[in-house]
Amino acid sequence: MNRIVVDQVLRSRLRNLDARLELCDEAGIVLGYFVPASERQRLLYEWARGQFSDDELARARAQSGRFSLAEILAELAQP
């Protein structure tokens, strides 16, 4: 991933980077979107929580079977 260092002048032009932004060129063509790091993390956690129902989570927590790392690696190594 490329990294751009944002100085104070650019940061102020981008409204302090505390909200979602749509980045466009001079012709108005959308180049991309910016999501602040704090909001990105919140959205990822929200998405992850929605992947499993409460029943699925309860069943997973109730399972008593545990495997050692060696057992897991051996299972993964099988064709």
N, C-alpha and C. Protein backbone atom coordinates (compact mmCIF):
# COMPACT_ATOMS: atom_id res chain seq x y z
N MET A 1 0.85 -1.17 0.00
CA MET A 1 0.00 0.00 0.00
C MET A 1 0.90 1.23 0.00
N ASN A 2 0.54 2.21 -0.79
CA ASN A 2 1.28 3.47 -0.81
C ASN A 2 0.88 4.32 0.38
N ARG A 3 1.79 5.19 0.78
CA ARG A 3 1.52 6.07 1.92
C ARG A 3 1.77 7.51 1.49
N ILE A 4 0.87 8.39 1.87
CA ILE A 4 1.02 9.82 1.63
C ILE A 4 1.03 10.51 2.98
N VAL A 5 2.04 11.32 3.22
CA VAL A 5 2.10 12.08 4.47
C VAL A 5 1.32 13.37 4.26
N VAL A 6 0.36 13.62 5.13
CA VAL A 6 -0.52 14.78 5.02
C VAL A 6 -0.03 15.87 5.96
N ASP A 7 0.34 17.02 5.40
CA ASP A 7 0.77 18.13 6.25
C ASP A 7 -0.46 18.91 6.75
N GLN A 8 -0.22 19.89 7.61
CA GLN A 8 -1.34 20.64 8.21
C GLN A 8 -2.17 21.38 7.17
N VAL A 9 -1.55 21.90 6.12
CA VAL A 9 -2.29 22.64 5.09
C VAL A 9 -3.27 21.71 4.38
N LEU A 10 -2.78 20.55 3.93
CA LEU A 10 -3.66 19.60 3.25
C LEU A 10 -4.71 19.06 4.21
N ARG A 11 -4.30 18.80 5.43
CA ARG A 11 -5.26 18.30 6.43
C ARG A 11 -6.42 19.27 6.62
N SER A 12 -6.13 20.55 6.68
CA SER A 12 -7.20 21.53 6.85
C SER A 12 -8.08 21.60 5.60
N ARG A 13 -7.49 21.46 4.42
CA ARG A 13 -8.28 21.45 3.18
C ARG A 13 -9.19 20.23 3.12
N LEU A 14 -8.78 19.14 3.75
CA LEU A 14 -9.58 17.91 3.77
C LEU A 14 -10.47 17.84 5.02
N ARG A 15 -10.76 19.00 5.58
CA ARG A 15 -11.66 19.11 6.74
C ARG A 15 -11.18 18.29 7.93
N ASN A 16 -9.88 18.31 8.16
CA ASN A 16 -9.24 17.67 9.31
C ASN A 16 -9.34 16.15 9.31
N LEU A 17 -9.78 15.57 8.22
CA LEU A 17 -9.84 14.11 8.05
C LEU A 17 -10.65 13.42 9.15
N ASP A 18 -11.71 14.07 9.62
CA ASP A 18 -12.51 13.45 10.68
C ASP A 18 -13.86 12.95 10.18
N ALA A 19 -14.06 12.94 8.86
CA ALA A 19 -15.31 12.45 8.29
C ALA A 19 -14.99 11.77 6.95
N ARG A 20 -15.93 10.99 6.45
CA ARG A 20 -15.76 10.36 5.14
C ARG A 20 -15.63 11.44 4.07
N LEU A 21 -14.76 11.17 3.10
CA LEU A 21 -14.56 12.11 2.01
C LEU A 21 -14.64 11.39 0.67
N GLU A 22 -15.17 12.08 -0.32
CA GLU A 22 -15.13 11.62 -1.70
C GLU A 22 -14.08 12.47 -2.40
N LEU A 23 -13.07 11.84 -2.96
CA LEU A 23 -11.99 12.56 -3.63
C LEU A 23 -12.24 12.54 -5.13
N CYS A 24 -12.27 13.75 -5.75
CA CYS A 24 -12.55 13.89 -7.18
C CYS A 24 -11.44 14.68 -7.85
N ASP A 25 -11.33 14.49 -9.17
CA ASP A 25 -10.39 15.31 -9.93
C ASP A 25 -11.09 16.61 -10.34
N GLU A 26 -10.39 17.45 -11.12
CA GLU A 26 -10.93 18.74 -11.53
C GLU A 26 -12.21 18.62 -12.35
N ALA A 27 -12.39 17.48 -13.04
CA ALA A 27 -13.57 17.27 -13.87
C ALA A 27 -14.74 16.69 -13.07
N GLY A 28 -14.53 16.44 -11.79
CA GLY A 28 -15.59 15.88 -10.96
C GLY A 28 -15.66 14.37 -10.97
N ILE A 29 -14.68 13.73 -11.60
CA ILE A 29 -14.65 12.26 -11.64
C ILE A 29 -14.14 11.73 -10.31
N VAL A 30 -14.88 10.81 -9.72
CA VAL A 30 -14.52 10.26 -8.43
C VAL A 30 -13.25 9.42 -8.56
N LEU A 31 -12.25 9.76 -7.76
CA LEU A 31 -10.99 9.02 -7.73
C LEU A 31 -10.99 7.96 -6.64
N GLY A 32 -11.69 8.24 -5.57
CA GLY A 32 -11.72 7.29 -4.46
C GLY A 32 -12.42 7.88 -3.26
N TYR A 33 -12.37 7.15 -2.18
CA TYR A 33 -13.05 7.55 -0.96
C TYR A 33 -12.09 7.43 0.21
N PHE A 34 -12.28 8.28 1.19
CA PHE A 34 -11.48 8.24 2.40
C PHE A 34 -12.41 7.98 3.57
N VAL A 35 -12.03 7.03 4.42
CA VAL A 35 -12.76 6.74 5.64
C VAL A 35 -11.77 6.86 6.79
N PRO A 36 -12.05 7.71 7.80
CA PRO A 36 -11.13 7.86 8.92
C PRO A 36 -10.86 6.50 9.60
N ALA A 37 -9.67 6.34 10.14
CA ALA A 37 -9.27 5.06 10.75
C ALA A 37 -10.24 4.62 11.84
N SER A 38 -10.69 5.54 12.67
CA SER A 38 -11.61 5.17 13.76
C SER A 38 -12.93 4.65 13.21
N GLU A 39 -13.43 5.28 12.17
CA GLU A 39 -14.69 4.82 11.57
C GLU A 39 -14.51 3.51 10.84
N ARG A 40 -13.37 3.34 10.18
CA ARG A 40 -13.08 2.08 9.47
C ARG A 40 -13.09 0.91 10.44
N GLN A 41 -12.46 1.08 11.59
CA GLN A 41 -12.43 0.01 12.59
C GLN A 41 -13.84 -0.30 13.08
N ARG A 42 -14.63 0.75 13.34
CA ARG A 42 -16.01 0.54 13.80
C ARG A 42 -16.81 -0.22 12.75
N LEU A 43 -16.66 0.15 11.48
CA LEU A 43 -17.38 -0.52 10.39
C LEU A 43 -16.96 -1.98 10.25
N LEU A 44 -15.67 -2.26 10.40
CA LEU A 44 -15.19 -3.65 10.32
C LEU A 44 -15.76 -4.50 11.44
N TYR A 45 -15.76 -3.97 12.67
CA TYR A 45 -16.32 -4.71 13.79
C TYR A 45 -17.82 -4.93 13.60
N GLU A 46 -18.51 -3.91 13.12
CA GLU A 46 -19.95 -4.03 12.86
C GLU A 46 -20.21 -5.11 11.82
N TRP A 47 -19.41 -5.13 10.75
CA TRP A 47 -19.55 -6.15 9.72
C TRP A 47 -19.29 -7.54 10.30
N ALA A 48 -18.22 -7.68 11.08
CA ALA A 48 -17.86 -8.98 11.64
C ALA A 48 -18.96 -9.50 12.57
N ARG A 49 -19.53 -8.62 13.39
CA ARG A 49 -20.60 -9.04 14.29
C ARG A 49 -21.83 -9.53 13.51
N GLY A 50 -22.04 -9.01 12.33
CA GLY A 50 -23.20 -9.40 11.53
C GLY A 50 -23.02 -10.72 10.78
N GLN A 51 -21.82 -11.29 10.82
CA GLN A 51 -21.56 -12.51 10.07
C GLN A 51 -22.10 -13.77 10.76
N PHE A 52 -22.38 -13.68 12.05
CA PHE A 52 -22.84 -14.85 12.82
C PHE A 52 -24.04 -14.47 13.66
N SER A 53 -24.98 -15.37 13.72
CA SER A 53 -26.16 -15.14 14.56
C SER A 53 -25.79 -15.38 16.02
N ASP A 54 -26.64 -14.93 16.92
CA ASP A 54 -26.41 -15.17 18.35
C ASP A 54 -26.39 -16.66 18.64
N ASP A 55 -27.24 -17.44 17.95
CA ASP A 55 -27.26 -18.89 18.15
C ASP A 55 -25.95 -19.53 17.72
N GLU A 56 -25.41 -19.09 16.59
CA GLU A 56 -24.13 -19.64 16.12
C GLU A 56 -23.01 -19.32 17.10
N LEU A 57 -23.00 -18.12 17.62
CA LEU A 57 -21.98 -17.75 18.60
C LEU A 57 -22.12 -18.58 19.88
N ALA A 58 -23.34 -18.78 20.33
CA ALA A 58 -23.57 -19.57 21.54
C ALA A 58 -23.11 -21.01 21.34
N ARG A 59 -23.41 -21.59 20.16
CA ARG A 59 -22.95 -22.96 19.88
C ARG A 59 -21.44 -23.05 19.86
N ALA A 60 -20.80 -22.07 19.26
CA ALA A 60 -19.33 -22.07 19.19
C ALA A 60 -18.72 -21.97 20.59
N ARG A 61 -19.31 -21.13 21.43
CA ARG A 61 -18.80 -20.99 22.80
C ARG A 61 -19.01 -22.25 23.62
N ALA A 62 -20.07 -23.00 23.30
CA ALA A 62 -20.40 -24.20 24.07
C ALA A 62 -19.55 -25.41 23.68
N GLN A 63 -18.90 -25.36 22.55
CA GLN A 63 -18.08 -26.49 22.12
C GLN A 63 -16.92 -26.68 23.08
N SER A 64 -16.69 -27.93 23.46
CA SER A 64 -15.63 -28.19 24.43
C SER A 64 -14.35 -28.70 23.76
N GLY A 65 -14.43 -29.09 22.51
CA GLY A 65 -13.26 -29.64 21.83
C GLY A 65 -12.17 -28.61 21.62
N ARG A 66 -10.97 -28.97 22.01
CA ARG A 66 -9.83 -28.09 21.81
C ARG A 66 -8.73 -28.91 21.16
N PHE A 67 -7.96 -28.25 20.33
CA PHE A 67 -6.88 -28.93 19.64
C PHE A 67 -5.57 -28.20 19.90
N SER A 68 -4.50 -28.96 19.94
CA SER A 68 -3.19 -28.34 20.09
C SER A 68 -2.77 -27.76 18.74
N LEU A 69 -1.78 -26.89 18.76
CA LEU A 69 -1.27 -26.32 17.52
C LEU A 69 -0.72 -27.43 16.63
N ALA A 70 -0.06 -28.42 17.21
CA ALA A 70 0.48 -29.53 16.43
C ALA A 70 -0.63 -30.30 15.73
N GLU A 71 -1.76 -30.51 16.42
CA GLU A 71 -2.89 -31.21 15.80
C GLU A 71 -3.49 -30.40 14.65
N ILE A 72 -3.59 -29.11 14.84
CA ILE A 72 -4.14 -28.25 13.78
C ILE A 72 -3.23 -28.25 12.57
N LEU A 73 -1.92 -28.11 12.79
CA LEU A 73 -0.97 -28.10 11.68
C LEU A 73 -0.97 -29.44 10.94
N ALA A 74 -1.08 -30.53 11.69
CA ALA A 74 -1.12 -31.87 11.07
C ALA A 74 -2.37 -32.00 10.20
N GLU A 75 -3.50 -31.50 10.69
CA GLU A 75 -4.74 -31.56 9.92
C GLU A 75 -4.65 -30.72 8.64
N LEU A 76 -4.04 -29.55 8.76
CA LEU A 76 -3.90 -28.67 7.59
C LEU A 76 -2.94 -29.25 6.56
N ALA A 77 -1.99 -30.05 7.01
CA ALA A 77 -0.99 -30.61 6.10
C ALA A 77 -1.54 -31.78 5.27
N GLN A 78 -2.66 -32.35 5.70
CA GLN A 78 -3.25 -33.48 4.96
C GLN A 78 -3.86 -32.98 3.67
N PRO A 79 -3.68 -33.77 2.57
CA PRO A 79 -4.25 -33.37 1.27
C PRO A 79 -5.76 -33.47 1.22
